[in-house]
Protein backbone atom coordinates (compact mmCIF):
# COMPACT_ATOMS: atom_id res chain seq x y z
CA MET A 1 49.30 28.44 14.98
CA THR A 2 47.85 26.24 12.24
CA GLU A 3 44.24 27.00 11.37
CA ILE A 4 41.48 24.59 10.38
CA HIS A 5 38.69 26.46 8.62
CA LEU A 6 35.19 25.18 9.31
CA VAL A 7 33.04 26.44 6.44
CA VAL A 8 29.33 27.00 7.03
CA ALA A 9 26.99 28.19 4.30
CA ALA A 10 23.45 27.28 5.38
CA ARG A 11 21.63 26.59 8.63
CA PRO A 12 21.83 22.74 8.37
CA ASN A 13 25.64 23.02 8.35
CA LEU A 14 25.72 24.50 11.85
CA PRO A 15 24.82 21.48 14.03
CA LYS A 16 27.18 19.33 11.96
CA ILE A 17 30.15 21.68 12.28
CA ALA A 18 29.38 22.32 15.97
CA ALA A 19 30.31 18.74 16.83
CA LEU A 20 33.79 19.20 15.34
CA TRP A 21 34.22 22.66 16.84
CA HIS A 22 33.56 21.40 20.38
CA ALA A 23 35.70 18.29 19.87
CA LEU A 24 38.63 20.39 18.65
CA ARG A 25 38.28 22.69 21.63
CA GLU A 26 38.57 19.64 23.90
CA ARG A 27 41.48 18.15 21.90
CA PRO A 28 43.13 21.05 20.02
CA LEU A 29 45.77 19.09 18.03
CA GLY A 30 47.85 22.27 17.83
CA ALA A 31 45.34 23.74 15.35
CA THR A 32 42.87 26.57 15.83
CA PRO A 33 39.33 25.98 14.52
CA VAL A 34 38.12 29.05 12.61
CA ILE A 35 34.50 29.39 11.49
CA VAL A 36 34.09 30.82 7.99
CA HIS A 37 30.52 31.82 7.05
CA THR A 38 29.87 32.13 3.33
CA GLY A 39 26.55 33.91 3.93
CA GLN A 40 24.02 31.68 2.11
CA HIS A 41 21.76 31.76 5.19
CA HIS A 42 22.32 34.87 7.25
CA ASP A 43 19.24 36.16 9.12
CA ALA A 44 18.57 35.72 12.84
CA ALA A 45 16.40 32.58 12.81
CA MET A 46 18.29 30.85 10.01
CA PHE A 47 21.80 31.58 11.28
CA ARG A 48 22.44 33.78 14.31
CA GLU A 49 20.06 32.07 16.74
CA PRO A 50 21.18 28.53 15.82
CA LEU A 51 24.80 29.68 16.20
CA GLU A 52 24.10 30.76 19.80
CA ASP A 53 21.97 27.70 20.57
CA LEU A 54 24.87 25.44 19.57
CA GLY A 55 27.43 27.25 21.72
CA LEU A 56 29.40 28.48 18.72
CA PRO A 57 31.19 31.84 18.52
CA ALA A 58 30.43 34.39 15.85
CA PRO A 59 32.24 33.50 12.62
CA ALA A 60 35.79 34.77 12.45
CA VAL A 61 35.22 35.42 8.75
CA SER A 62 31.93 36.39 7.09
CA LEU A 63 31.95 36.51 3.30
CA ASP A 64 28.35 37.83 3.02
CA VAL A 65 27.54 36.01 -0.22
CA SER A 66 23.83 35.21 -0.56
CA GLY A 67 21.01 35.23 -3.09
CA GLY A 68 20.93 34.76 -6.82
CA SER A 69 20.69 31.71 -9.05
CA HIS A 70 22.64 28.50 -8.46
CA ALA A 71 25.32 29.72 -10.87
CA GLU A 72 25.51 33.22 -9.38
CA LEU A 73 25.73 32.05 -5.77
CA THR A 74 28.28 29.34 -6.59
CA GLY A 75 30.44 31.70 -8.64
CA ARG A 76 30.45 34.58 -6.17
CA THR A 77 31.14 32.24 -3.24
CA LEU A 78 34.01 30.58 -5.12
CA MET A 79 35.57 33.97 -5.79
CA ALA A 80 35.14 35.12 -2.18
CA CYS A 81 36.62 31.93 -0.73
CA GLY A 82 39.50 32.11 -3.18
CA ALA A 83 40.31 35.69 -2.17
CA LEU A 84 40.18 34.76 1.52
CA TRP A 85 42.45 31.74 1.17
CA GLU A 86 44.98 33.58 -0.96
CA GLN A 87 45.56 35.77 2.11
CA ARG A 88 44.76 33.41 5.02
CA ARG A 89 45.69 29.86 4.12
CA PRO A 90 44.49 27.07 6.46
CA ALA A 91 46.01 23.61 6.81
CA LEU A 92 42.58 22.16 6.07
CA ALA A 93 39.10 23.32 5.08
CA VAL A 94 36.24 21.29 6.52
CA VAL A 95 33.09 21.67 4.43
CA PRO A 96 29.81 20.07 5.55
CA GLY A 97 26.70 19.36 3.53
CA ASP A 98 25.78 19.83 -0.11
CA VAL A 99 24.44 23.34 -0.73
CA ASP A 100 25.85 25.63 -3.43
CA GLY A 101 28.07 27.50 -0.98
CA ALA A 102 29.62 24.20 0.15
CA LEU A 103 30.45 23.18 -3.42
CA ALA A 104 31.97 26.59 -4.12
CA ALA A 105 34.16 26.48 -1.00
CA THR A 106 35.36 22.99 -1.87
CA LEU A 107 36.32 24.02 -5.40
CA ALA A 108 38.06 27.19 -4.22
CA ALA A 109 40.14 25.33 -1.66
CA ARG A 110 41.19 22.51 -3.96
CA LYS A 111 42.15 24.89 -6.79
CA LEU A 112 44.51 26.56 -4.30
CA GLY A 113 45.93 23.21 -3.16
CA ILE A 114 44.25 23.38 0.24
CA PRO A 115 43.10 19.95 1.49
CA VAL A 116 39.36 19.55 2.05
CA ALA A 117 37.46 17.29 4.41
CA HIS A 118 33.88 16.71 3.29
CA LEU A 119 31.78 16.27 6.40
CA GLU A 120 28.70 14.14 5.58
CA ALA A 121 30.31 12.56 2.54
CA GLY A 122 28.85 9.78 0.44
CA LEU A 123 25.15 10.60 0.63
CA ARG A 124 23.30 9.60 -2.54
CA CYS A 125 19.63 9.71 -3.50
CA GLY A 126 20.06 8.79 -7.17
CA ASP A 127 18.23 11.87 -8.48
CA HIS A 128 20.78 13.45 -10.81
CA ASP A 129 18.55 16.49 -11.36
CA MET A 130 18.54 17.48 -7.68
CA PRO A 131 20.99 20.36 -7.10
CA GLU A 132 22.18 18.88 -3.81
CA GLU A 133 22.92 15.54 -5.46
CA ILE A 134 25.05 17.26 -8.08
CA ASN A 135 26.90 19.22 -5.40
CA ARG A 136 27.59 16.28 -3.09
CA ARG A 137 28.91 14.07 -5.88
CA ALA A 138 31.20 16.83 -7.12
CA MET A 139 32.46 17.54 -3.60
CA ASP A 140 33.23 13.89 -2.93
CA ALA A 141 35.10 13.63 -6.22
CA VAL A 142 37.71 16.24 -5.24
CA SER A 143 37.82 16.15 -1.42
CA ASP A 144 40.84 14.69 0.38
CA LEU A 145 39.01 13.34 3.45
CA LEU A 146 35.54 11.83 3.27
CA TRP A 147 33.71 11.62 6.62
CA ALA A 148 30.70 9.36 6.20
CA PRO A 149 27.78 9.21 8.66
CA ASP A 150 27.57 5.39 8.72
CA GLU A 151 29.38 2.25 7.60
CA ALA A 152 27.14 1.62 4.57
CA THR A 153 27.84 5.11 3.23
CA ALA A 154 31.56 4.63 3.79
CA ALA A 155 31.38 1.34 1.87
CA ARG A 156 29.66 3.15 -1.00
CA LEU A 157 32.53 5.64 -1.19
CA LEU A 158 35.07 2.83 -1.25
CA GLY A 159 33.03 1.17 -4.00
CA GLU A 160 33.24 4.39 -6.00
CA GLY A 161 37.02 4.09 -5.91
CA HIS A 162 38.01 6.43 -3.10
CA SER A 163 41.09 5.58 -1.07
CA PRO A 164 40.59 3.73 2.23
CA ARG A 165 42.96 6.28 3.77
CA ALA A 166 40.56 9.08 2.84
CA VAL A 167 37.28 7.43 3.86
CA ARG A 168 36.22 7.19 7.50
CA ALA A 169 32.83 6.30 8.97
CA VAL A 170 32.69 8.82 11.82
CA GLY A 171 28.97 8.79 12.58
CA ASN A 172 26.44 11.57 12.26
CA SER A 173 27.77 14.81 13.73
CA MET A 174 24.23 16.23 13.80
CA VAL A 175 23.46 13.68 16.51
CA ASP A 176 26.24 15.09 18.71
CA SER A 177 24.55 18.50 18.61
CA LEU A 178 21.07 17.07 19.06
CA LEU A 179 22.03 15.15 22.20
CA ARG A 180 23.93 18.13 23.58
CA THR A 181 20.99 20.51 23.04
CA LEU A 182 17.99 18.24 23.71
CA PRO A 183 17.57 18.84 27.48
CA ALA A 184 17.42 22.62 26.97
CA ALA A 185 15.15 22.19 23.94
CA ARG A 186 12.65 20.05 25.86
CA ALA A 187 12.54 22.67 28.62
CA GLN A 188 11.40 25.41 26.23
CA PRO A 189 7.70 26.29 26.03
CA LEU A 190 5.93 25.29 22.84
CA PRO A 191 4.29 27.91 20.61
CA ALA A 192 0.87 28.99 21.86
CA GLY A 193 -1.90 26.47 21.32
CA LEU A 194 0.30 23.39 20.92
CA VAL A 195 0.00 20.46 23.33
CA PRO A 196 2.80 17.88 23.56
CA GLY A 197 1.98 14.78 21.55
CA GLN A 198 -1.11 16.32 19.97
CA TYR A 199 0.35 17.95 16.87
CA GLY A 200 2.62 17.13 13.96
CA VAL A 201 5.46 19.17 12.47
CA LEU A 202 5.47 20.08 8.77
CA THR A 203 8.53 21.38 6.92
CA LEU A 204 8.81 22.11 3.19
CA HIS A 205 11.62 23.71 1.21
CA ARG A 206 12.82 21.39 -1.59
CA PRO A 207 12.50 22.93 -5.06
CA ALA A 208 10.55 19.91 -6.34
CA ASN A 209 7.86 20.59 -3.74
CA VAL A 210 7.74 24.38 -3.55
CA ASP A 211 9.05 25.95 -6.77
CA ASP A 212 6.11 24.87 -8.91
CA ALA A 213 2.65 26.24 -8.08
CA ALA A 214 0.83 23.00 -8.87
CA SER A 215 3.24 20.88 -6.82
CA LEU A 216 3.07 23.18 -3.81
CA ALA A 217 -0.73 23.35 -4.02
CA GLU A 218 -0.89 19.54 -4.11
CA VAL A 219 1.33 19.16 -1.04
CA LEU A 220 -0.63 21.82 0.86
CA ALA A 221 -3.95 20.18 0.02
CA ALA A 222 -2.66 16.81 1.24
CA ALA A 223 -1.28 18.36 4.42
CA GLY A 224 -4.63 20.10 4.96
CA ASP A 225 -6.43 16.76 4.68
CA ALA A 226 -3.96 15.19 7.13
CA ALA A 227 -4.45 18.12 9.54
CA GLU A 228 -8.12 17.17 9.91
CA ALA A 229 -6.87 14.23 11.98
CA LEU A 230 -3.83 15.90 13.58
CA PRO A 231 -3.08 19.64 13.65
CA LEU A 232 0.21 20.55 12.00
CA ALA A 233 2.70 23.21 13.12
CA TRP A 234 4.60 24.58 10.12
CA PRO A 235 7.77 26.67 10.55
CA VAL A 236 7.77 28.24 7.08
CA HIS A 237 11.14 28.36 5.33
CA PRO A 238 11.85 31.78 3.74
CA ARG A 239 12.06 30.14 0.31
CA THR A 240 8.63 28.59 0.75
CA ALA A 241 7.12 31.78 2.16
CA ALA A 242 8.20 33.61 -0.99
CA ARG A 243 6.58 30.94 -3.17
CA LEU A 244 3.32 31.04 -1.22
CA GLN A 245 3.11 34.77 -1.80
CA ARG A 246 4.09 34.52 -5.47
CA PHE A 247 1.55 31.79 -6.21
CA GLY A 248 -1.22 33.30 -4.07
CA LEU A 249 -1.73 30.05 -2.14
CA ARG A 250 -3.63 29.85 1.14
CA VAL A 251 -2.53 27.79 4.13
CA PRO A 252 -5.27 25.21 4.83
CA ASP A 253 -7.19 25.09 8.10
CA GLY A 254 -5.55 22.93 10.73
CA ILE A 255 -2.04 24.03 9.76
CA THR A 256 -0.46 26.70 11.96
CA PRO A 257 2.25 28.63 10.10
CA LEU A 258 5.17 29.70 12.28
CA PRO A 259 8.17 31.90 11.50
CA PRO A 260 11.53 30.19 10.99
CA LEU A 261 12.73 28.90 14.35
CA GLY A 262 16.17 28.80 15.94
CA TYR A 263 17.83 25.43 16.41
CA ARG A 264 16.81 24.93 20.03
CA ALA A 265 13.23 26.09 19.46
CA PHE A 266 12.80 23.84 16.44
CA LEU A 267 14.31 20.85 18.22
CA GLY A 268 11.89 21.42 21.11
CA LEU A 269 8.99 21.60 18.66
CA LEU A 270 10.07 18.34 17.02
CA ALA A 271 10.68 16.56 20.33
CA GLY A 272 7.14 17.36 21.48
CA ALA A 273 5.42 16.27 18.26
CA ARG A 274 3.47 13.12 17.40
CA LEU A 275 5.02 12.89 13.92
CA ALA A 276 6.91 14.83 11.27
CA CYS A 277 5.96 15.47 7.62
CA THR A 278 9.01 16.78 5.82
CA ASP A 279 11.18 17.00 2.74
CA SER A 280 14.27 17.85 4.82
CA GLY A 281 17.19 15.47 5.12
CA GLY A 282 18.09 16.84 8.54
CA VAL A 283 14.59 16.34 9.92
CA GLN A 284 14.67 12.72 8.73
CA GLU A 285 17.83 12.23 10.79
CA GLU A 286 16.51 14.07 13.84
CA ALA A 287 13.24 12.13 13.77
CA ALA A 288 15.14 8.83 13.66
CA VAL A 289 17.12 9.75 16.78
CA LEU A 290 14.00 11.02 18.57
CA ASP A 291 12.05 7.84 17.60
CA LEU A 292 9.51 10.09 15.90
CA PRO A 293 7.42 8.75 12.97
CA CYS A 294 8.63 10.57 9.87
CA LEU A 295 6.67 10.91 6.61
CA THR A 296 9.14 12.08 3.98
CA LEU A 297 7.48 13.91 1.10
CA ARG A 298 9.98 12.83 -1.54
CA PRO A 299 10.33 9.93 -3.99
CA SER A 300 13.87 9.17 -2.78
CA THR A 301 16.24 9.99 0.04
CA GLU A 302 20.00 10.27 0.41
CA ARG A 303 19.57 8.96 3.96
CA PRO A 304 18.37 5.37 3.43
CA VAL A 305 19.75 4.44 6.83
CA THR A 306 16.74 6.23 8.33
CA LEU A 307 14.42 4.04 6.25
CA ALA A 308 16.22 0.94 7.46
CA ALA A 309 15.84 2.19 11.05
CA GLY A 310 12.09 1.75 10.59
CA SER A 311 10.23 4.91 11.48
CA ASN A 312 10.91 6.91 8.29
CA ARG A 313 8.93 6.25 5.10
CA LEU A 314 8.81 7.93 1.70
CA VAL A 315 5.26 9.07 0.93
CA SER A 316 3.62 10.92 -1.93
CA PRO A 317 1.14 13.72 -1.21
CA ALA A 318 -1.68 11.40 -2.32
CA VAL A 319 -1.06 8.97 0.55
CA LEU A 320 -0.02 11.46 3.23
CA PRO A 321 -3.44 11.55 5.00
CA ASP A 322 -3.56 7.73 5.13
CA ALA A 323 0.01 7.58 6.47
CA VAL A 324 -0.89 10.04 9.24
CA ALA A 325 -3.91 7.90 10.09
CA GLU A 326 -1.63 4.83 10.37
CA VAL A 327 0.63 6.64 12.81
CA LEU A 328 -2.31 7.76 14.93
CA ALA A 329 -3.65 4.18 14.94
CA GLY A 330 -0.32 2.92 16.29
CA GLN A 331 0.54 1.09 13.06
CA TRP A 332 4.06 2.48 12.81
CA PRO A 333 7.26 0.79 14.02
CA ARG A 334 9.65 2.15 16.59
CA SER A 335 12.94 3.48 15.27
CA ARG A 336 15.87 1.12 15.72
CA PRO A 337 19.19 2.61 16.90
CA ILE A 338 21.59 3.48 14.08
CA PRO A 339 25.21 2.40 14.65
CA LEU A 340 27.67 5.29 15.15
CA TRP A 341 24.84 7.77 15.76
CA ASP A 342 25.90 7.98 19.39
CA GLY A 343 27.08 11.55 19.97
CA ARG A 344 30.77 10.77 19.39
CA ALA A 345 31.19 11.78 15.74
CA GLY A 346 33.21 14.82 16.76
CA GLU A 347 35.68 12.62 18.64
CA ARG A 348 36.08 10.34 15.63
CA MET A 349 36.71 13.23 13.27
CA VAL A 350 39.38 14.61 15.58
CA ALA A 351 40.96 11.14 15.88
CA HIS A 352 41.18 10.97 12.07
CA LEU A 353 42.70 14.45 11.97
CA ALA A 354 45.28 13.42 14.57
CA GLU A 355 46.40 10.72 12.15
CA ILE A 356 46.67 12.85 9.03
CA LEU A 357 47.20 16.46 10.18
CA PRO A 358 50.99 16.16 10.47
CA ALA A 359 51.18 15.10 6.83
CA LEU A 360 48.90 17.97 5.81
CA ARG A 361 51.15 20.45 7.61
CA VAL A 362 54.21 19.11 5.79
CA ALA A 363 52.40 19.32 2.44
CA ALA A 364 51.35 22.90 3.17
């Protein structure tokens, strides 16, 4: 039977690919979905627990490529994907996101003539020095199908010259997984000491915030000042934990560091919070759906639709304490619903595949 390879490299890819996996199980299209894990995130909290939380099987293929510089990880993943697909050729590779492993898989597939669907295509923040921005632009340039999370993003892709046949606004597949998992996530107990509605969630992992000692110290100091008004729970990303140790930085009072959490546990933490302070694109999206005030610690975002929805704002460390005070004073708007973020992105992706898969089989 024809295979469709669903490529996952890092944790944020999992809830996005889960929507398509479940939709293909409900409407198979004569093609078997096969999960291929490149290995970029691989430990229990960052990969195995989220996999189970999302109802996904263990990957059929694990390439075990992780660590190293951007160039090393990209090169080794490209070679591993190429070797796999020389032996086990799918009709289509679906690659979500914009991490190095995703770029490598996209390049490997296209160089072998395997069609690629970029799930979450068209995101742009305008920062050409950000690794993810480089990756996503390169992936969009060579992918055959471009699944955009909203109509404005789809219009951007068309404006860049992509074919209307290739571009489809399918909605945000992360929302499918969030809505599917939310009841179980809300039922989970919070970490000790946290009271629903009386804490905020902090996440930090972007290189611009954590790879420089001065920048990380500035963000931590601002978060510490904000925590005087509202305690912050901080699931510490492994990348950030390594930087804290390297730079000898102390976590300020009022911030409770937590280990990396599985998908369901983190979603429960977020759903019970008063606000989120983050540099994560995924948390911006989740906060918008949960109608949770979101303070994004970045100068730009590739998800402007969350800004337009109302409850997400870009803030610098200098103004973070004041922004938290505004939220606590009730001076923050409710999040407006985002069109197509309705839990049906998986269905729309499968509908697009039903249109084009016969042609892909003939080409293969």
